């Protein structure tokens, strides 16, 4: 990987202890999965920013 991709910041990109790697938890179709595996899946429609502090900001 050249740089940080959207996947690394996405809430759907979860570490799987069973396979010892990160995986996308979205049910991708065949074309989307091939793009994901080739690391060419730019501008993902399922991307959601993993904002860990969102809850804290709402409490203040």
Protein backbone atom coordinates (compact mmCIF):
# COMPACT_ATOMS: atom_id res chain seq x y z
CA UNK A 1 0.00 0.00 0.00
CA UNK A 2 1.29 3.40 -0.93
CA UNK A 3 -0.66 5.38 1.62
CA UNK A 4 -3.60 5.35 3.89
CA UNK A 5 -6.74 4.10 2.18
CA UNK A 6 -10.34 4.80 3.09
CA UNK A 7 -10.61 1.26 4.44
CA UNK A 8 -8.12 1.90 7.22
CA UNK A 9 -10.33 4.68 8.62
CA UNK A 10 -13.64 2.90 8.05
CA UNK A 11 -15.83 1.58 10.83
CA UNK A 12 -16.53 -1.53 8.70
CA UNK A 13 -12.83 -2.51 8.49
CA UNK A 14 -12.52 -4.87 11.46
CA UNK A 15 -9.65 -7.04 12.70
CA UNK A 16 -10.59 -10.74 12.57
CA UNK A 17 -8.79 -12.78 15.26
CA UNK A 18 -9.63 -16.04 13.53
CA UNK A 19 -7.83 -15.08 10.29
CA UNK A 20 -5.32 -12.67 11.90
CA UNK A 21 -6.02 -9.87 9.44
CA UNK A 22 -8.33 -6.94 8.77
CA UNK A 23 -11.49 -7.56 6.77
CA UNK A 24 -14.35 -5.49 5.45
CA UNK A 25 -17.58 -6.52 7.17
CA UNK A 26 -19.80 -5.17 4.39
CA UNK A 27 -21.31 -7.83 2.15
CA UNK A 28 -19.60 -6.83 -1.11
CA UNK A 29 -20.68 -8.17 -4.48
CA UNK A 30 -18.19 -9.93 -6.75
CA UNK A 31 -17.02 -6.80 -8.59
CA UNK A 32 -16.65 -4.78 -5.40
CA UNK A 33 -14.72 -7.60 -3.73
CA UNK A 34 -12.28 -7.88 -6.63
CA UNK A 35 -11.64 -4.12 -6.45
CA UNK A 36 -11.18 -4.37 -2.67
CA UNK A 37 -8.66 -7.21 -3.00
CA UNK A 38 -6.72 -5.33 -5.71
CA UNK A 39 -6.71 -2.22 -3.48
CA UNK A 40 -8.47 -0.18 -6.19
CA UNK A 41 -11.74 0.36 -4.32
CA UNK A 42 -11.66 4.16 -4.13
CA UNK A 43 -14.67 6.19 -3.01
CA UNK A 44 -16.41 3.27 -1.36
CA UNK A 45 -20.19 3.81 -1.04
CA UNK A 46 -20.16 1.93 2.29
CA UNK A 47 -17.43 4.05 3.89
CA UNK A 48 -18.25 5.37 7.37
CA UNK A 49 -15.58 7.30 9.21
CA UNK A 50 -14.55 5.57 12.44
CA UNK A 51 -14.91 8.52 14.81
CA UNK A 52 -14.13 7.18 18.27
CA UNK A 53 -14.83 10.54 19.93
CA UNK A 54 -18.31 11.14 18.46
CA UNK A 55 -20.03 9.90 21.64
CA UNK A 56 -17.85 12.07 23.88
CA UNK A 57 -18.67 15.21 21.87
CA UNK A 58 -22.39 14.49 22.22
CA UNK A 59 -22.02 14.19 26.00
CA UNK A 60 -20.46 17.64 26.37
